[in-house]
All heavy atoms as atom14 arrays in JSON, in Angstrom:
{
  "sequence": "KPPDRGWAEGWPLLLADEFGCRGRWSDAAAGDCTEPTAAGGEDRVG",
  "atom14_mask": [
    [1, 1, 1, 1, 1, 1, 1, 1, 1, 0, 0, 0, 0, 0],
    [1, 1, 1, 1, 1, 1, 1, 0, 0, 0, 0, 0, 0, 0],
    [1, 1, 1, 1, 1, 1, 1, 0, 0, 0, 0, 0, 0, 0],
    [1, 1, 1, 1, 1, 1, 1, 1, 0, 0, 0, 0, 0, 0],
    [1, 1, 1, 1, 1, 1, 1, 1, 1, 1, 1, 0, 0, 0],
    [1, 1, 1, 1, 0, 0, 0, 0, 0, 0, 0, 0, 0, 0],
    [1, 1, 1, 1, 1, 1, 1, 1, 1, 1, 1, 1, 1, 1],
    [1, 1, 1, 1, 1, 0, 0, 0, 0, 0, 0, 0, 0, 0],
    [1, 1, 1, 1, 1, 1, 1, 1, 1, 0, 0, 0, 0, 0],
    [1, 1, 1, 1, 0, 0, 0, 0, 0, 0, 0, 0, 0, 0],
    [1, 1, 1, 1, 1, 1, 1, 1, 1, 1, 1, 1, 1, 1],
    [1, 1, 1, 1, 1, 1, 1, 0, 0, 0, 0, 0, 0, 0],
    [1, 1, 1, 1, 1, 1, 1, 1, 0, 0, 0, 0, 0, 0],
    [1, 1, 1, 1, 1, 1, 1, 1, 0, 0, 0, 0, 0, 0],
    [1, 1, 1, 1, 1, 1, 1, 1, 0, 0, 0, 0, 0, 0],
    [1, 1, 1, 1, 1, 0, 0, 0, 0, 0, 0, 0, 0, 0],
    [1, 1, 1, 1, 1, 1, 1, 1, 0, 0, 0, 0, 0, 0],
    [1, 1, 1, 1, 1, 1, 1, 1, 1, 0, 0, 0, 0, 0],
    [1, 1, 1, 1, 1, 1, 1, 1, 1, 1, 1, 0, 0, 0],
    [1, 1, 1, 1, 0, 0, 0, 0, 0, 0, 0, 0, 0, 0],
    [1, 1, 1, 1, 1, 1, 0, 0, 0, 0, 0, 0, 0, 0],
    [1, 1, 1, 1, 1, 1, 1, 1, 1, 1, 1, 0, 0, 0],
    [1, 1, 1, 1, 0, 0, 0, 0, 0, 0, 0, 0, 0, 0],
    [1, 1, 1, 1, 1, 1, 1, 1, 1, 1, 1, 0, 0, 0],
    [1, 1, 1, 1, 1, 1, 1, 1, 1, 1, 1, 1, 1, 1],
    [1, 1, 1, 1, 1, 1, 0, 0, 0, 0, 0, 0, 0, 0],
    [1, 1, 1, 1, 1, 1, 1, 1, 0, 0, 0, 0, 0, 0],
    [1, 1, 1, 1, 1, 0, 0, 0, 0, 0, 0, 0, 0, 0],
    [1, 1, 1, 1, 1, 0, 0, 0, 0, 0, 0, 0, 0, 0],
    [1, 1, 1, 1, 1, 0, 0, 0, 0, 0, 0, 0, 0, 0],
    [1, 1, 1, 1, 0, 0, 0, 0, 0, 0, 0, 0, 0, 0],
    [1, 1, 1, 1, 1, 1, 1, 1, 0, 0, 0, 0, 0, 0],
    [1, 1, 1, 1, 1, 1, 0, 0, 0, 0, 0, 0, 0, 0],
    [1, 1, 1, 1, 1, 1, 1, 0, 0, 0, 0, 0, 0, 0],
    [1, 1, 1, 1, 1, 1, 1, 1, 1, 0, 0, 0, 0, 0],
    [1, 1, 1, 1, 1, 1, 1, 0, 0, 0, 0, 0, 0, 0],
    [1, 1, 1, 1, 1, 1, 1, 0, 0, 0, 0, 0, 0, 0],
    [1, 1, 1, 1, 1, 0, 0, 0, 0, 0, 0, 0, 0, 0],
    [1, 1, 1, 1, 1, 0, 0, 0, 0, 0, 0, 0, 0, 0],
    [1, 1, 1, 1, 0, 0, 0, 0, 0, 0, 0, 0, 0, 0],
    [1, 1, 1, 1, 0, 0, 0, 0, 0, 0, 0, 0, 0, 0],
    [1, 1, 1, 1, 1, 1, 1, 1, 1, 0, 0, 0, 0, 0],
    [1, 1, 1, 1, 1, 1, 1, 1, 0, 0, 0, 0, 0, 0],
    [1, 1, 1, 1, 1, 1, 1, 1, 1, 1, 1, 0, 0, 0],
    [1, 1, 1, 1, 1, 1, 1, 0, 0, 0, 0, 0, 0, 0],
    [1, 1, 1, 1, 0, 0, 0, 0, 0, 0, 0, 0, 0, 0]
  ],
  "atom14_positions": [
    [[33.1, -23.55, 14.81], [32.07, -23.24, 13.84], [31.65, -21.78, 14.0], [31.72, -21.22, 15.09], [30.84, -24.15, 14.04], [31.13, -25.62, 13.88], [29.88, -26.45, 14.17], [30.16, -27.94, 14.08], [28.96, -28.76, 14.43], [0.0, 0.0, 0.0], [0.0, 0.0, 0.0], [0.0, 0.0, 0.0], [0.0, 0.0, 0.0], [0.0, 0.0, 0.0]],
    [[31.18, -21.14, 12.92], [30.69, -19.76, 13.08], [29.47, -19.74, 13.97], [28.67, -20.68, 13.97], [30.36, -19.34, 11.64], [30.17, -20.63, 10.89], [31.09, -21.61, 11.53], [0.0, 0.0, 0.0], [0.0, 0.0, 0.0], [0.0, 0.0, 0.0], [0.0, 0.0, 0.0], [0.0, 0.0, 0.0], [0.0, 0.0, 0.0], [0.0, 0.0, 0.0]],
    [[29.29, -18.7, 14.77], [28.15, -18.64, 15.68], [26.84, -18.55, 14.92], [26.78, -18.01, 13.81], [28.41, -17.38, 16.5], [29.29, -16.53, 15.63], [30.14, -17.5, 14.87], [0.0, 0.0, 0.0], [0.0, 0.0, 0.0], [0.0, 0.0, 0.0], [0.0, 0.0, 0.0], [0.0, 0.0, 0.0], [0.0, 0.0, 0.0], [0.0, 0.0, 0.0]],
    [[25.8, -19.08, 15.5], [24.46, -18.99, 14.92], [23.9, -17.62, 15.24], [23.62, -17.3, 16.4], [23.57, -20.09, 15.52], [22.24, -20.24, 14.78], [21.82, -19.27, 14.13], [21.63, -21.33, 14.86], [0.0, 0.0, 0.0], [0.0, 0.0, 0.0], [0.0, 0.0, 0.0], [0.0, 0.0, 0.0], [0.0, 0.0, 0.0], [0.0, 0.0, 0.0]],
    [[23.71, -16.79, 14.22], [23.3, -15.4, 14.42], [21.78, -15.23, 14.46], [21.27, -14.12, 14.6], [23.91, -14.52, 13.31], [25.42, -14.44, 13.41], [26.04, -13.76, 12.18], [25.52, -12.43, 11.97], [25.92, -11.34, 12.6], [26.87, -11.44, 13.54], [25.41, -10.15, 12.34], [0.0, 0.0, 0.0], [0.0, 0.0, 0.0], [0.0, 0.0, 0.0]],
    [[21.03, -16.32, 14.31], [19.6, -16.26, 14.49], [18.9, -15.32, 13.52], [19.05, -15.4, 12.3], [0.0, 0.0, 0.0], [0.0, 0.0, 0.0], [0.0, 0.0, 0.0], [0.0, 0.0, 0.0], [0.0, 0.0, 0.0], [0.0, 0.0, 0.0], [0.0, 0.0, 0.0], [0.0, 0.0, 0.0], [0.0, 0.0, 0.0], [0.0, 0.0, 0.0]],
    [[18.11, -14.41, 14.09], [17.29, -13.49, 13.3], [18.14, -12.63, 12.36], [17.68, -12.19, 11.3], [16.48, -12.65, 14.27], [15.5, -11.63, 13.75], [15.35, -10.37, 14.23], [14.51, -11.77, 12.73], [14.34, -9.7, 13.57], [13.8, -10.55, 12.64], [14.14, -12.82, 11.87], [12.76, -10.33, 11.74], [13.1, -12.61, 10.96], [12.43, -11.37, 10.9]],
    [[19.39, -12.37, 12.74], [20.28, -11.61, 11.86], [20.53, -12.36, 10.56], [20.78, -11.74, 9.51], [21.6, -11.31, 12.57], [0.0, 0.0, 0.0], [0.0, 0.0, 0.0], [0.0, 0.0, 0.0], [0.0, 0.0, 0.0], [0.0, 0.0, 0.0], [0.0, 0.0, 0.0], [0.0, 0.0, 0.0], [0.0, 0.0, 0.0], [0.0, 0.0, 0.0]],
    [[20.48, -13.69, 10.59], [20.58, -14.5, 9.37], [19.22, -14.64, 8.7], [19.1, -14.63, 7.47], [21.13, -15.89, 9.7], [22.56, -15.91, 10.19], [23.01, -17.32, 10.53], [22.32, -18.29, 10.13], [24.05, -17.47, 11.19], [0.0, 0.0, 0.0], [0.0, 0.0, 0.0], [0.0, 0.0, 0.0], [0.0, 0.0, 0.0], [0.0, 0.0, 0.0]],
    [[18.18, -14.81, 9.52], [16.85, -15.06, 8.97], [16.25, -13.87, 8.25], [15.55, -14.04, 7.25], [0.0, 0.0, 0.0], [0.0, 0.0, 0.0], [0.0, 0.0, 0.0], [0.0, 0.0, 0.0], [0.0, 0.0, 0.0], [0.0, 0.0, 0.0], [0.0, 0.0, 0.0], [0.0, 0.0, 0.0], [0.0, 0.0, 0.0], [0.0, 0.0, 0.0]],
    [[16.52, -12.66, 8.74], [15.92, -11.45, 8.17], [16.25, -11.28, 6.69], [15.34, -11.13, 5.86], [16.35, -10.24, 8.99], [15.94, -8.92, 8.41], [16.74, -8.01, 7.8], [14.62, -8.37, 8.39], [16.02, -6.91, 7.4], [14.72, -7.1, 7.75], [13.38, -8.8, 8.84], [13.61, -6.28, 7.56], [12.28, -7.97, 8.65], [12.4, -6.74, 8.02]],
    [[17.53, -11.3, 6.27], [17.8, -11.16, 4.83], [17.25, -12.32, 4.0], [16.86, -12.13, 2.84], [19.33, -11.08, 4.75], [19.83, -11.6, 6.04], [18.78, -11.31, 7.05], [0.0, 0.0, 0.0], [0.0, 0.0, 0.0], [0.0, 0.0, 0.0], [0.0, 0.0, 0.0], [0.0, 0.0, 0.0], [0.0, 0.0, 0.0], [0.0, 0.0, 0.0]],
    [[17.2, -13.52, 4.59], [16.61, -14.65, 3.87], [15.12, -14.44, 3.66], [14.58, -14.78, 2.6], [16.86, -15.95, 4.64], [18.32, -16.42, 4.72], [18.44, -17.62, 5.66], [18.85, -16.76, 3.33], [0.0, 0.0, 0.0], [0.0, 0.0, 0.0], [0.0, 0.0, 0.0], [0.0, 0.0, 0.0], [0.0, 0.0, 0.0], [0.0, 0.0, 0.0]],
    [[14.45, -13.86, 4.65], [13.03, -13.57, 4.53], [12.78, -12.54, 3.42], [11.87, -12.7, 2.59], [12.49, -13.05, 5.86], [11.03, -12.6, 5.89], [10.1, -13.77, 5.59], [10.69, -11.98, 7.24], [0.0, 0.0, 0.0], [0.0, 0.0, 0.0], [0.0, 0.0, 0.0], [0.0, 0.0, 0.0], [0.0, 0.0, 0.0], [0.0, 0.0, 0.0]],
    [[13.6, -11.51, 3.38], [13.42, -10.46, 2.38], [13.64, -10.99, 0.96], [13.01, -10.52, 0.01], [14.39, -9.32, 2.65], [14.19, -8.54, 3.96], [15.21, -7.42, 4.06], [12.78, -7.99, 4.06], [0.0, 0.0, 0.0], [0.0, 0.0, 0.0], [0.0, 0.0, 0.0], [0.0, 0.0, 0.0], [0.0, 0.0, 0.0], [0.0, 0.0, 0.0]],
    [[14.53, -11.97, 0.81], [14.87, -12.49, -0.52], [14.12, -13.76, -0.88], [14.36, -14.34, -1.94], [16.38, -12.76, -0.58], [0.0, 0.0, 0.0], [0.0, 0.0, 0.0], [0.0, 0.0, 0.0], [0.0, 0.0, 0.0], [0.0, 0.0, 0.0], [0.0, 0.0, 0.0], [0.0, 0.0, 0.0], [0.0, 0.0, 0.0], [0.0, 0.0, 0.0]],
    [[13.18, -14.18, -0.03], [12.53, -15.48, -0.21], [11.71, -15.55, -1.5], [10.82, -14.73, -1.74], [11.63, -15.78, 0.98], [11.04, -17.17, 0.94], [11.59, -18.03, 0.22], [10.03, -17.4, 1.62], [0.0, 0.0, 0.0], [0.0, 0.0, 0.0], [0.0, 0.0, 0.0], [0.0, 0.0, 0.0], [0.0, 0.0, 0.0], [0.0, 0.0, 0.0]],
    [[12.02, -16.54, -2.31], [11.28, -16.79, -3.55], [9.79, -17.03, -3.28], [8.93, -16.68, -4.1], [11.89, -18.01, -4.24], [11.16, -18.48, -5.47], [11.74, -19.79, -6.03], [12.59, -20.4, -5.35], [11.31, -20.19, -7.14], [0.0, 0.0, 0.0], [0.0, 0.0, 0.0], [0.0, 0.0, 0.0], [0.0, 0.0, 0.0], [0.0, 0.0, 0.0]],
    [[9.5, -17.6, -2.11], [8.12, -17.97, -1.79], [7.51, -17.07, -0.71], [6.61, -17.49, 0.02], [8.07, -19.44, -1.35], [8.61, -20.38, -2.39], [9.71, -21.19, -2.12], [8.05, -20.42, -3.66], [10.21, -22.05, -3.09], [8.57, -21.27, -4.64], [9.65, -22.08, -4.35], [0.0, 0.0, 0.0], [0.0, 0.0, 0.0], [0.0, 0.0, 0.0]],
    [[7.99, -15.85, -0.61], [7.47, -14.92, 0.38], [6.04, -14.5, 0.08], [5.53, -14.65, -1.04], [0.0, 0.0, 0.0], [0.0, 0.0, 0.0], [0.0, 0.0, 0.0], [0.0, 0.0, 0.0], [0.0, 0.0, 0.0], [0.0, 0.0, 0.0], [0.0, 0.0, 0.0], [0.0, 0.0, 0.0], [0.0, 0.0, 0.0], [0.0, 0.0, 0.0]],
    [[5.38, -13.95, 1.09], [3.97, -13.56, 0.96], [3.76, -12.56, -0.18], [2.71, -12.57, -0.84], [3.5, -12.96, 2.28], [1.74, -12.56, 2.33], [0.0, 0.0, 0.0], [0.0, 0.0, 0.0], [0.0, 0.0, 0.0], [0.0, 0.0, 0.0], [0.0, 0.0, 0.0], [0.0, 0.0, 0.0], [0.0, 0.0, 0.0], [0.0, 0.0, 0.0]],
    [[4.74, -11.7, -0.44], [4.62, -10.71, -1.51], [5.12, -11.24, -2.86], [5.12, -10.51, -3.85], [5.4, -9.44, -1.15], [4.81, -8.67, 0.0], [5.67, -7.45, 0.33], [5.05, -6.62, 1.36], [5.09, -6.89, 2.65], [5.72, -7.96, 3.08], [4.5, -6.09, 3.5], [0.0, 0.0, 0.0], [0.0, 0.0, 0.0], [0.0, 0.0, 0.0]],
    [[5.57, -12.48, -2.89], [6.17, -13.03, -4.11], [5.14, -13.49, -5.13], [3.93, -13.53, -4.89], [0.0, 0.0, 0.0], [0.0, 0.0, 0.0], [0.0, 0.0, 0.0], [0.0, 0.0, 0.0], [0.0, 0.0, 0.0], [0.0, 0.0, 0.0], [0.0, 0.0, 0.0], [0.0, 0.0, 0.0], [0.0, 0.0, 0.0], [0.0, 0.0, 0.0]],
    [[5.63, -13.9, -6.26], [4.78, -14.28, -7.4], [3.99, -15.56, -7.15], [2.97, -15.8, -7.8], [5.64, -14.45, -8.65], [6.73, -15.5, -8.51], [7.64, -15.56, -9.72], [6.94, -15.99, -10.91], [7.51, -16.67, -11.9], [8.8, -17.0, -11.82], [6.82, -17.03, -12.95], [0.0, 0.0, 0.0], [0.0, 0.0, 0.0], [0.0, 0.0, 0.0]],
    [[4.44, -16.38, -6.2], [3.76, -17.65, -5.97], [2.7, -17.54, -4.88], [1.98, -18.5, -4.62], [4.78, -18.73, -5.6], [5.85, -18.88, -6.63], [7.16, -18.52, -6.51], [5.7, -19.39, -7.96], [7.84, -18.78, -7.67], [6.97, -19.31, -8.58], [4.63, -19.9, -8.69], [7.19, -19.73, -9.88], [4.84, -20.32, -9.99], [6.1, -20.24, -10.58]],
    [[2.61, -16.4, -4.27], [1.63, -16.17, -3.21], [0.27, -15.85, -3.82], [0.17, -15.26, -4.89], [2.09, -15.0, -2.34], [1.06, -14.59, -1.46], [0.0, 0.0, 0.0], [0.0, 0.0, 0.0], [0.0, 0.0, 0.0], [0.0, 0.0, 0.0], [0.0, 0.0, 0.0], [0.0, 0.0, 0.0], [0.0, 0.0, 0.0], [0.0, 0.0, 0.0]],
    [[-0.8, -16.25, -3.13], [-2.16, -15.92, -3.55], [-2.66, -14.62, -2.93], [-3.81, -14.23, -3.13], [-3.12, -17.06, -3.15], [-2.77, -18.37, -3.83], [-2.42, -18.34, -5.03], [-2.84, -19.43, -3.17], [0.0, 0.0, 0.0], [0.0, 0.0, 0.0], [0.0, 0.0, 0.0], [0.0, 0.0, 0.0], [0.0, 0.0, 0.0], [0.0, 0.0, 0.0]],
    [[-1.8, -13.94, -2.18], [-2.22, -12.73, -1.47], [-2.41, -11.56, -2.43], [-1.69, -11.42, -3.42], [-1.19, -12.37, -0.41], [0.0, 0.0, 0.0], [0.0, 0.0, 0.0], [0.0, 0.0, 0.0], [0.0, 0.0, 0.0], [0.0, 0.0, 0.0], [0.0, 0.0, 0.0], [0.0, 0.0, 0.0], [0.0, 0.0, 0.0], [0.0, 0.0, 0.0]],
    [[-3.37, -10.73, -2.1], [-3.58, -9.49, -2.85], [-2.72, -8.39, -2.25], [-2.17, -8.54, -1.15], [-5.06, -9.09, -2.79], [0.0, 0.0, 0.0], [0.0, 0.0, 0.0], [0.0, 0.0, 0.0], [0.0, 0.0, 0.0], [0.0, 0.0, 0.0], [0.0, 0.0, 0.0], [0.0, 0.0, 0.0], [0.0, 0.0, 0.0], [0.0, 0.0, 0.0]],
    [[-2.6, -7.29, -2.97], [-1.83, -6.16, -2.47], [-2.4, -5.7, -1.14], [-3.6, -5.53, -0.98], [-1.86, -5.02, -3.48], [0.0, 0.0, 0.0], [0.0, 0.0, 0.0], [0.0, 0.0, 0.0], [0.0, 0.0, 0.0], [0.0, 0.0, 0.0], [0.0, 0.0, 0.0], [0.0, 0.0, 0.0], [0.0, 0.0, 0.0], [0.0, 0.0, 0.0]],
    [[-1.53, -5.52, -0.17], [-1.96, -5.08, 1.15], [-2.28, -6.2, 2.11], [-2.52, -5.95, 3.29], [0.0, 0.0, 0.0], [0.0, 0.0, 0.0], [0.0, 0.0, 0.0], [0.0, 0.0, 0.0], [0.0, 0.0, 0.0], [0.0, 0.0, 0.0], [0.0, 0.0, 0.0], [0.0, 0.0, 0.0], [0.0, 0.0, 0.0], [0.0, 0.0, 0.0]],
    [[-2.33, -7.46, 1.62], [-2.64, -8.58, 2.51], [-1.47, -8.97, 3.4], [-1.67, -9.57, 4.45], [-3.06, -9.81, 1.68], [-4.48, -9.72, 1.16], [-5.24, -8.93, 1.72], [-4.81, -10.46, 0.21], [0.0, 0.0, 0.0], [0.0, 0.0, 0.0], [0.0, 0.0, 0.0], [0.0, 0.0, 0.0], [0.0, 0.0, 0.0], [0.0, 0.0, 0.0]],
    [[-0.26, -8.69, 2.97], [0.93, -9.13, 3.69], [1.43, -8.01, 4.58], [1.66, -6.89, 4.11], [2.02, -9.55, 2.71], [1.51, -10.84, 1.55], [0.0, 0.0, 0.0], [0.0, 0.0, 0.0], [0.0, 0.0, 0.0], [0.0, 0.0, 0.0], [0.0, 0.0, 0.0], [0.0, 0.0, 0.0], [0.0, 0.0, 0.0], [0.0, 0.0, 0.0]],
    [[1.59, -8.3, 5.84], [2.05, -7.29, 6.79], [3.55, -7.44, 7.01], [4.11, -8.53, 6.9], [1.33, -7.43, 8.13], [1.55, -8.76, 8.65], [-0.17, -7.2, 7.95], [0.0, 0.0, 0.0], [0.0, 0.0, 0.0], [0.0, 0.0, 0.0], [0.0, 0.0, 0.0], [0.0, 0.0, 0.0], [0.0, 0.0, 0.0], [0.0, 0.0, 0.0]],
    [[4.18, -6.31, 7.34], [5.59, -6.36, 7.67], [5.79, -7.15, 8.96], [5.02, -6.99, 9.91], [6.13, -4.94, 7.87], [6.2, -4.11, 6.6], [7.34, -4.54, 5.68], [8.19, -5.34, 6.13], [7.36, -4.09, 4.52], [0.0, 0.0, 0.0], [0.0, 0.0, 0.0], [0.0, 0.0, 0.0], [0.0, 0.0, 0.0], [0.0, 0.0, 0.0]],
    [[6.79, -8.02, 9.01], [7.04, -8.74, 10.26], [7.44, -7.77, 11.35], [8.2, -6.82, 11.12], [8.2, -9.69, 9.9], [8.85, -9.08, 8.7], [7.75, -8.38, 7.95], [0.0, 0.0, 0.0], [0.0, 0.0, 0.0], [0.0, 0.0, 0.0], [0.0, 0.0, 0.0], [0.0, 0.0, 0.0], [0.0, 0.0, 0.0], [0.0, 0.0, 0.0]],
    [[6.89, -7.96, 12.55], [7.21, -7.1, 13.67], [8.17, -7.82, 14.59], [7.83, -8.82, 15.21], [5.93, -6.73, 14.45], [5.27, -7.94, 14.83], [5.0, -5.91, 13.59], [0.0, 0.0, 0.0], [0.0, 0.0, 0.0], [0.0, 0.0, 0.0], [0.0, 0.0, 0.0], [0.0, 0.0, 0.0], [0.0, 0.0, 0.0], [0.0, 0.0, 0.0]],
    [[9.38, -7.35, 14.62], [10.39, -7.96, 15.49], [11.54, -6.97, 15.64], [11.55, -5.9, 15.02], [10.89, -9.28, 14.9], [0.0, 0.0, 0.0], [0.0, 0.0, 0.0], [0.0, 0.0, 0.0], [0.0, 0.0, 0.0], [0.0, 0.0, 0.0], [0.0, 0.0, 0.0], [0.0, 0.0, 0.0], [0.0, 0.0, 0.0], [0.0, 0.0, 0.0]],
    [[12.49, -7.32, 16.48], [13.63, -6.44, 16.7], [14.39, -6.19, 15.41], [14.37, -7.01, 14.49], [14.55, -7.08, 17.75], [0.0, 0.0, 0.0], [0.0, 0.0, 0.0], [0.0, 0.0, 0.0], [0.0, 0.0, 0.0], [0.0, 0.0, 0.0], [0.0, 0.0, 0.0], [0.0, 0.0, 0.0], [0.0, 0.0, 0.0], [0.0, 0.0, 0.0]],
    [[15.06, -5.06, 15.33], [15.81, -4.74, 14.12], [17.27, -4.47, 14.42], [17.7, -4.39, 15.57], [0.0, 0.0, 0.0], [0.0, 0.0, 0.0], [0.0, 0.0, 0.0], [0.0, 0.0, 0.0], [0.0, 0.0, 0.0], [0.0, 0.0, 0.0], [0.0, 0.0, 0.0], [0.0, 0.0, 0.0], [0.0, 0.0, 0.0], [0.0, 0.0, 0.0]],
    [[18.06, -4.29, 13.38], [19.47, -3.95, 13.51], [20.24, -4.94, 14.34], [20.1, -6.15, 14.2], [0.0, 0.0, 0.0], [0.0, 0.0, 0.0], [0.0, 0.0, 0.0], [0.0, 0.0, 0.0], [0.0, 0.0, 0.0], [0.0, 0.0, 0.0], [0.0, 0.0, 0.0], [0.0, 0.0, 0.0], [0.0, 0.0, 0.0], [0.0, 0.0, 0.0]],
    [[21.07, -4.42, 15.24], [21.9, -5.28, 16.08], [21.07, -6.16, 16.99], [21.53, -7.2, 17.46], [22.86, -4.42, 16.9], [24.02, -3.87, 16.1], [24.84, -4.96, 15.44], [25.24, -5.92, 16.14], [25.08, -4.88, 14.23], [0.0, 0.0, 0.0], [0.0, 0.0, 0.0], [0.0, 0.0, 0.0], [0.0, 0.0, 0.0], [0.0, 0.0, 0.0]],
    [[19.82, -5.75, 17.29], [18.97, -6.55, 18.16], [18.58, -7.88, 17.52], [18.06, -8.77, 18.2], [17.71, -5.78, 18.54], [18.01, -4.6, 19.45], [19.04, -4.65, 20.14], [17.22, -3.65, 19.47], [0.0, 0.0, 0.0], [0.0, 0.0, 0.0], [0.0, 0.0, 0.0], [0.0, 0.0, 0.0], [0.0, 0.0, 0.0], [0.0, 0.0, 0.0]],
    [[18.8, -8.0, 16.22], [18.5, -9.28, 15.57], [19.58, -10.33, 15.85], [19.34, -11.52, 15.7], [18.38, -9.08, 14.05], [17.25, -8.17, 13.61], [17.06, -8.23, 12.1], [16.11, -7.2, 11.68], [16.4, -6.19, 10.88], [17.62, -6.06, 10.39], [15.49, -5.3, 10.54], [0.0, 0.0, 0.0], [0.0, 0.0, 0.0], [0.0, 0.0, 0.0]],
    [[20.76, -9.89, 16.22], [21.88, -10.82, 16.4], [21.61, -11.74, 17.59], [21.39, -11.27, 18.72], [23.2, -10.05, 16.61], [24.34, -11.03, 16.86], [23.5, -9.17, 15.41], [0.0, 0.0, 0.0], [0.0, 0.0, 0.0], [0.0, 0.0, 0.0], [0.0, 0.0, 0.0], [0.0, 0.0, 0.0], [0.0, 0.0, 0.0], [0.0, 0.0, 0.0]],
    [[21.62, -13.04, 17.34], [21.42, -14.01, 18.4], [19.99, -14.13, 18.87], [19.73, -14.76, 19.91], [0.0, 0.0, 0.0], [0.0, 0.0, 0.0], [0.0, 0.0, 0.0], [0.0, 0.0, 0.0], [0.0, 0.0, 0.0], [0.0, 0.0, 0.0], [0.0, 0.0, 0.0], [0.0, 0.0, 0.0], [0.0, 0.0, 0.0], [0.0, 0.0, 0.0]]
  ]
}
């Protein structure tokens, strides 16, 4: 089976999420949603 890449898979899904905090279905106002703080780039793998 392909390896589970963890955050490397989750990050693009988060950015494209239909129901994300910045999306149309959210009740948040502009500026209410903060950028997720976590490792980036290759550090997301695994």
